[in-house]
Amino acid sequence: MSTSAGSTALPRLRPRTRRFRIGASQAEAWLYVLPALLLFLLFELYPILANLWTSVAQAKGGPSLIRYGEAAGDPVFWLALRNSVLWVVVSIAAEIAIGFPLAVLIELGIPRGRAWFRTLLFLPMVVTPSVIALVFTTLYAPDYGLLYGVFRSLGLGGSFPAILGEPALATYGIIAVNVWQWCGFFVLMYCVGIAQLDREILDAAAIDGATGFARVRHVIWPMLRATHVSLIVLGTVQALQQFPLIYLMTQGGPANASQTLATYIFQTGFDENRMGYASMVAVVLFALALALIAVEYAIADEWWGKLRAGWLKGDAR
């Protein structure tokens, strides 16, 4: 359009306005979400709230924290709490220390037959805990087990310890079984993470001289941050709720040495018929899981922030 000054006026553009309307499409979306929401409320939120109420409910009078005060003076409770934290730290550290190198070896060091190795490492995960407990209980047997046979062949049969019968060794013996069963999961997750890495970055690192262990340490390991965090969180939940192996192999013994919060809930709730106390232990277990996961996320964020700052500093140079 021409103006009196001879210039051409540009057409005005109307600003875009976003309108939010609750229409039939959103109502239909809520109908799809509603069944899952109801199942969550019924089978997730309600049991948590009911358990929380049971932990403080009293036969007479209002709610009370008397059970939590009783736990403060219960040595078995503190032992179970310590063992639960020990399970998380030792099992996750061992699974990462074993799983990550194996994944690097499979993905970068084996040109063919990777699927066979992945399948072999996945097999322990599909074996039922009862079978695993029976096999390793026999393996640990101090009179006829395979480990005892190895010690005896070396002339050390008299010094072979009763692993599941020693209070100082029972927990670590079961943790070793748990690591054997679930280490394959860590390997598979790391294999997936390594396979999805940008090959151009790996090639550029190789050109810059980062080969072998240096490439694994400075390139591959930092780039798998999401995989590390996911495995640590999943491993924490799995370790805290581990019950079958402990109950089938030692039942929390000897002398409650291998007791965890998960097994202590079963003992106090079903063996001793103290449902209120068992609910209190379950609340502590739930709070411990939330606290550990929050700490893990905070440490991961701090570590990633320092790592990115180092990268940016290196780029600036």
Protein backbone atom coordinates (compact mmCIF):
# COMPACT_ATOMS: atom_id res chain seq x y z
CA MET A 1 0.00 0.00 0.00
CA SER A 2 1.42 3.44 -1.00
CA THR A 3 1.40 6.47 1.27
CA SER A 4 1.57 10.20 0.50
CA ALA A 5 5.32 10.21 1.18
CA GLY A 6 5.86 7.61 -1.49
CA SER A 7 6.91 4.91 0.91
CA THR A 8 5.36 1.52 1.21
CA ALA A 9 3.70 0.68 4.51
CA LEU A 10 4.26 -2.81 5.84
CA PRO A 11 1.15 -4.73 6.85
CA ARG A 12 0.63 -5.01 10.57
CA LEU A 13 1.09 -8.44 12.07
CA ARG A 14 -1.33 -9.39 14.75
CA PRO A 15 0.31 -10.74 17.88
CA ARG A 16 -0.39 -14.37 18.47
CA THR A 17 -2.46 -15.11 21.49
CA ARG A 18 -2.59 -18.54 23.04
CA ARG A 19 -6.02 -19.55 24.22
CA PHE A 20 -6.53 -22.33 26.66
CA ARG A 21 -9.90 -23.95 26.52
CA ILE A 22 -11.23 -26.95 28.35
CA GLY A 23 -12.98 -28.67 25.52
CA ALA A 24 -14.02 -32.14 24.55
CA SER A 25 -10.44 -33.15 23.72
CA GLN A 26 -9.20 -32.40 27.25
CA ALA A 27 -12.19 -34.08 28.83
CA GLU A 28 -11.50 -37.14 26.72
CA ALA A 29 -7.85 -37.05 27.80
CA TRP A 30 -8.89 -37.04 31.46
CA LEU A 31 -11.08 -40.06 30.79
CA TYR A 32 -8.02 -41.91 29.53
CA VAL A 33 -5.94 -40.86 32.54
CA LEU A 34 -8.66 -41.51 35.13
CA PRO A 35 -8.32 -45.34 35.34
CA ALA A 36 -4.55 -45.13 35.91
CA LEU A 37 -5.08 -42.33 38.44
CA LEU A 38 -7.64 -44.39 40.34
CA LEU A 39 -5.32 -47.40 40.39
CA PHE A 40 -2.50 -45.21 41.70
CA LEU A 41 -4.69 -43.79 44.45
CA LEU A 42 -6.02 -47.23 45.40
CA PHE A 43 -2.85 -49.32 45.28
CA GLU A 44 -0.10 -46.75 45.88
CA LEU A 45 -1.22 -43.69 47.81
CA TYR A 46 -3.84 -45.36 50.02
CA PRO A 47 -1.49 -48.14 51.30
CA ILE A 48 1.19 -45.53 52.11
CA LEU A 49 -1.26 -43.38 54.07
CA ALA A 50 -2.82 -46.42 55.76
CA ASN A 51 0.60 -47.72 56.79
CA LEU A 52 1.56 -44.29 58.12
CA TRP A 53 -1.61 -44.19 60.20
CA THR A 54 -1.06 -47.73 61.51
CA SER A 55 2.43 -46.75 62.67
CA VAL A 56 1.02 -44.07 64.98
CA ALA A 57 -2.45 -45.46 65.78
CA GLN A 58 -3.21 -46.59 69.33
CA ALA A 59 -5.97 -48.79 70.69
CA LYS A 60 -7.02 -46.04 73.07
CA GLY A 61 -6.48 -42.36 72.59
CA GLY A 62 -5.17 -40.43 69.64
CA PRO A 63 -2.12 -41.03 67.47
CA SER A 64 1.20 -41.36 69.21
CA LEU A 65 4.88 -41.62 68.31
CA ILE A 66 5.49 -44.19 71.03
CA ARG A 67 6.59 -46.84 68.51
CA TYR A 68 9.22 -44.52 67.08
CA GLY A 69 10.52 -43.94 70.60
CA GLU A 70 10.57 -47.69 71.13
CA ALA A 71 12.64 -48.11 67.97
CA ALA A 72 15.23 -45.66 69.31
CA GLY A 73 16.03 -48.18 72.05
CA ASP A 74 15.79 -51.28 69.88
CA PRO A 75 19.29 -52.57 68.99
CA VAL A 76 17.92 -54.93 66.33
CA PHE A 77 16.25 -52.00 64.58
CA TRP A 78 19.52 -50.06 64.43
CA LEU A 79 21.36 -53.14 63.23
CA ALA A 80 18.76 -53.63 60.48
CA LEU A 81 19.06 -49.96 59.52
CA ARG A 82 22.85 -50.20 59.33
CA ASN A 83 22.66 -53.35 57.23
CA SER A 84 20.18 -51.72 54.84
CA VAL A 85 22.54 -48.82 54.21
CA LEU A 86 25.42 -51.30 53.89
CA TRP A 87 23.46 -53.22 51.26
CA VAL A 88 22.97 -50.06 49.20
CA VAL A 89 26.59 -48.90 49.36
CA VAL A 90 28.36 -52.23 48.86
CA SER A 91 26.04 -53.76 46.28
CA ILE A 92 25.86 -50.65 44.04
CA ALA A 93 29.62 -50.04 44.28
CA ALA A 94 30.36 -53.67 43.37
CA GLU A 95 27.83 -53.77 40.54
CA ILE A 96 29.21 -50.59 38.98
CA ALA A 97 32.83 -51.67 39.48
CA ILE A 98 32.10 -54.96 37.72
CA GLY A 99 29.37 -53.94 35.29
CA PHE A 100 30.99 -50.88 33.69
CA PRO A 101 34.30 -52.53 32.69
CA LEU A 102 32.45 -55.56 31.34
CA ALA A 103 30.18 -53.31 29.28
CA VAL A 104 33.17 -51.42 27.87
CA LEU A 105 34.85 -54.71 27.03
CA ILE A 106 31.74 -56.08 25.30
CA GLU A 107 30.93 -52.94 23.32
CA LEU A 108 34.43 -51.79 22.40
CA GLY A 109 36.63 -54.86 22.69
CA ILE A 110 34.53 -57.67 21.22
CA PRO A 111 33.75 -57.22 17.51
CA ARG A 112 31.46 -60.25 17.24
CA GLY A 113 29.22 -62.30 19.48
CA ARG A 114 28.07 -59.46 21.72
CA ALA A 115 24.52 -60.81 21.86
CA TRP A 116 25.76 -64.10 23.35
CA PHE A 117 27.63 -62.34 26.13
CA ARG A 118 24.63 -60.15 26.91
CA THR A 119 22.38 -63.20 27.07
CA LEU A 120 24.74 -65.05 29.41
CA LEU A 121 24.94 -62.05 31.73
CA PHE A 122 21.14 -61.68 31.69
CA LEU A 123 20.44 -65.30 32.70
CA PRO A 124 20.92 -64.87 36.51
CA MET A 125 18.21 -62.22 36.54
CA VAL A 126 15.52 -64.66 35.38
CA VAL A 127 16.41 -67.37 37.92
CA THR A 128 14.03 -67.47 40.89
CA PRO A 129 15.47 -66.39 44.27
CA SER A 130 14.62 -69.78 45.82
CA VAL A 131 16.86 -71.59 43.33
CA ILE A 132 19.66 -69.06 43.75
CA ALA A 133 19.43 -69.30 47.55
CA LEU A 134 19.59 -73.10 47.43
CA VAL A 135 22.59 -73.12 45.08
CA PHE A 136 24.63 -70.61 47.05
CA THR A 137 23.70 -72.08 50.42
CA THR A 138 25.17 -75.34 49.14
CA LEU A 139 28.14 -73.45 47.69
CA TYR A 140 28.83 -71.82 51.06
CA ALA A 141 28.38 -75.05 53.07
CA PRO A 142 31.36 -75.48 55.43
CA ASP A 143 31.51 -79.28 55.14
CA TYR A 144 30.66 -80.20 51.56
CA GLY A 145 30.37 -76.98 49.56
CA LEU A 146 32.35 -76.16 46.45
CA LEU A 147 34.27 -73.37 48.18
CA TYR A 148 35.16 -75.74 51.00
CA GLY A 149 36.46 -78.20 48.41
CA VAL A 150 38.67 -75.50 46.90
CA PHE A 151 40.07 -74.60 50.33
CA ARG A 152 40.65 -78.26 51.17
CA SER A 153 42.48 -78.86 47.88
CA LEU A 154 44.81 -76.01 48.87
CA GLY A 155 45.35 -77.51 52.31
CA LEU A 156 43.24 -74.83 53.99
CA GLY A 157 40.13 -76.86 54.75
CA GLY A 158 40.47 -76.33 58.47
CA SER A 159 40.41 -72.54 58.09
CA PHE A 160 37.35 -72.36 55.86
CA PRO A 161 34.76 -70.13 57.59
CA ALA A 162 31.05 -70.88 57.87
CA ILE A 163 30.10 -67.84 55.78
CA LEU A 164 26.38 -67.87 56.54
CA GLY A 165 26.99 -68.86 60.15
CA GLU A 166 29.46 -66.10 61.01
CA PRO A 167 27.82 -62.81 62.11
CA ALA A 168 30.65 -60.82 60.53
CA LEU A 169 30.38 -62.58 57.15
CA ALA A 170 26.71 -63.44 56.68
CA THR A 171 25.61 -60.07 55.30
CA TYR A 172 28.53 -59.83 52.88
CA GLY A 173 27.95 -63.40 51.72
CA ILE A 174 24.35 -62.60 50.75
CA ILE A 175 25.36 -59.28 49.17
CA ALA A 176 27.79 -61.21 46.97
CA VAL A 177 24.90 -63.39 45.79
CA ASN A 178 22.81 -60.29 45.06
CA VAL A 179 25.67 -58.76 43.07
CA TRP A 180 26.05 -61.97 41.07
CA GLN A 181 22.34 -61.94 40.21
CA TRP A 182 21.94 -58.27 39.29
CA CYS A 183 25.34 -57.34 37.91
CA GLY A 184 24.13 -58.39 34.46
CA PHE A 185 21.46 -55.69 34.58
CA PHE A 186 24.13 -53.05 35.12
CA VAL A 187 26.17 -54.48 32.24
CA LEU A 188 23.19 -54.36 29.88
CA MET A 189 22.30 -50.80 30.84
CA TYR A 190 25.88 -49.66 30.33
CA CYS A 191 26.00 -51.49 27.00
CA VAL A 192 22.93 -49.60 25.85
CA GLY A 193 24.41 -46.31 27.04
CA ILE A 194 27.75 -46.90 25.29
CA ALA A 195 26.01 -47.97 22.08
CA GLN A 196 24.08 -44.68 22.03
CA LEU A 197 27.13 -42.45 22.43
CA ASP A 198 27.98 -40.13 19.58
CA ARG A 199 30.69 -41.88 17.58
CA GLU A 200 31.97 -38.55 16.28
CA ILE A 201 32.90 -37.51 19.82
CA LEU A 202 34.71 -40.79 20.40
CA ASP A 203 36.57 -40.45 17.11
CA ALA A 204 37.50 -36.84 17.90
CA ALA A 205 38.81 -37.93 21.30
CA ALA A 206 40.89 -40.62 19.63
CA ILE A 207 42.34 -38.04 17.22
CA ASP A 208 43.24 -35.82 20.19
CA GLY A 209 45.13 -38.70 21.75
CA ALA A 210 42.50 -40.01 24.19
CA THR A 211 42.79 -43.74 23.62
CA GLY A 212 42.48 -46.79 25.81
CA PHE A 213 41.93 -46.10 29.51
CA ALA A 214 42.13 -42.32 28.98
CA ARG A 215 39.19 -42.41 26.57
CA VAL A 216 37.15 -44.53 28.98
CA ARG A 217 37.92 -42.31 31.95
CA HIS A 218 37.67 -38.84 30.42
CA VAL A 219 35.12 -39.36 27.64
CA ILE A 220 32.92 -42.44 28.02
CA TRP A 221 32.49 -42.40 31.81
CA PRO A 222 31.36 -38.71 32.04
CA MET A 223 29.05 -39.02 29.03
CA LEU A 224 27.12 -41.84 30.76
CA ARG A 225 25.88 -39.59 33.56
CA ALA A 226 22.21 -40.39 32.95
CA THR A 227 22.96 -44.11 32.99
CA HIS A 228 24.94 -43.79 36.25
CA VAL A 229 22.13 -41.94 37.99
CA SER A 230 19.43 -44.33 36.76
CA LEU A 231 21.39 -47.39 37.87
CA ILE A 232 22.21 -45.93 41.28
CA VAL A 233 18.56 -45.05 41.95
CA LEU A 234 17.26 -48.41 40.71
CA GLY A 235 19.99 -50.22 42.62
CA THR A 236 19.08 -48.35 45.80
CA VAL A 237 15.44 -49.38 45.56
CA GLN A 238 16.35 -52.98 44.74
CA ALA A 239 18.84 -53.25 47.61
CA LEU A 240 16.48 -51.75 50.19
CA GLN A 241 13.61 -54.05 49.29
CA GLN A 242 15.73 -57.22 48.99
CA PHE A 243 13.94 -59.88 51.05
CA PRO A 244 13.85 -63.35 49.43
CA LEU A 245 17.60 -64.04 49.40
CA ILE A 246 18.08 -62.95 53.00
CA TYR A 247 15.08 -64.86 54.33
CA LEU A 248 15.82 -68.04 52.40
CA MET A 249 19.55 -68.10 53.21
CA THR A 250 19.74 -66.90 56.84
CA GLN A 251 16.27 -65.66 57.91
CA GLY A 252 18.06 -62.59 59.27
CA GLY A 253 20.53 -64.62 61.33
CA PRO A 254 22.76 -65.58 62.87
CA ALA A 255 21.72 -63.56 65.93
CA ASN A 256 20.06 -60.95 63.66
CA ALA A 257 23.45 -60.21 62.06
CA SER A 258 22.04 -60.17 58.50
CA GLN A 259 18.75 -58.51 59.44
CA THR A 260 17.63 -55.61 57.22
CA LEU A 261 14.63 -53.34 57.47
CA ALA A 262 12.78 -55.44 54.89
CA THR A 263 13.27 -58.69 56.83
CA TYR A 264 12.63 -56.95 60.16
CA ILE A 265 9.24 -55.81 58.87
CA PHE A 266 8.34 -59.44 58.15
CA GLN A 267 9.66 -60.66 61.50
CA THR A 268 7.89 -58.08 63.65
CA GLY A 269 4.70 -58.08 61.60
CA PHE A 270 4.08 -61.77 60.94
CA ASP A 271 6.31 -63.76 63.29
CA GLU A 272 5.73 -61.53 66.32
CA ASN A 273 2.29 -60.18 65.28
CA ARG A 274 3.30 -56.57 65.99
CA MET A 275 1.70 -54.90 62.99
CA GLY A 276 1.97 -51.39 64.39
CA TYR A 277 5.71 -51.74 64.97
CA ALA A 278 6.18 -53.33 61.54
CA SER A 279 4.34 -50.37 59.99
CA MET A 280 6.70 -48.00 61.79
CA VAL A 281 9.71 -49.87 60.37
CA ALA A 282 8.11 -49.67 56.91
CA VAL A 283 7.75 -45.90 57.28
CA VAL A 284 11.42 -45.64 58.23
CA LEU A 285 12.34 -47.76 55.20
CA PHE A 286 10.28 -45.49 52.95
CA ALA A 287 11.89 -42.36 54.41
CA LEU A 288 15.36 -43.90 54.08
CA ALA A 289 14.75 -44.65 50.40
CA LEU A 290 13.62 -41.08 49.73
CA ALA A 291 16.58 -39.62 51.64
CA LEU A 292 19.16 -41.79 49.86
CA ILE A 293 17.70 -41.05 46.42
CA ALA A 294 17.62 -37.30 47.17
CA VAL A 295 21.27 -37.40 48.27
CA GLU A 296 22.22 -39.38 45.17
CA TYR A 297 20.54 -36.87 42.87
CA ALA A 298 22.22 -33.97 44.70
CA ILE A 299 25.66 -35.59 44.43
CA ALA A 300 25.07 -36.37 40.75
CA ASP A 301 24.05 -32.78 39.99
CA GLU A 302 27.08 -31.39 41.83
CA TRP A 303 29.40 -33.81 40.05
CA TRP A 304 27.92 -32.95 36.67
CA GLY A 305 28.19 -29.23 37.39
CA LYS A 306 31.89 -29.52 38.24
CA LEU A 307 32.45 -31.66 35.17
CA ARG A 308 30.78 -29.16 32.85
CA ALA A 309 32.74 -26.32 34.45
CA GLY A 310 35.95 -28.23 33.74
CA TRP A 311 34.92 -28.76 30.14
CA LEU A 312 34.07 -25.08 29.65
CA LYS A 313 37.40 -24.09 31.23
CA GLY A 314 39.19 -26.41 28.88
CA ASP A 315 37.35 -24.93 25.88
CA ALA A 316 38.24 -21.42 26.99
CA ARG A 317 41.89 -22.36 26.98
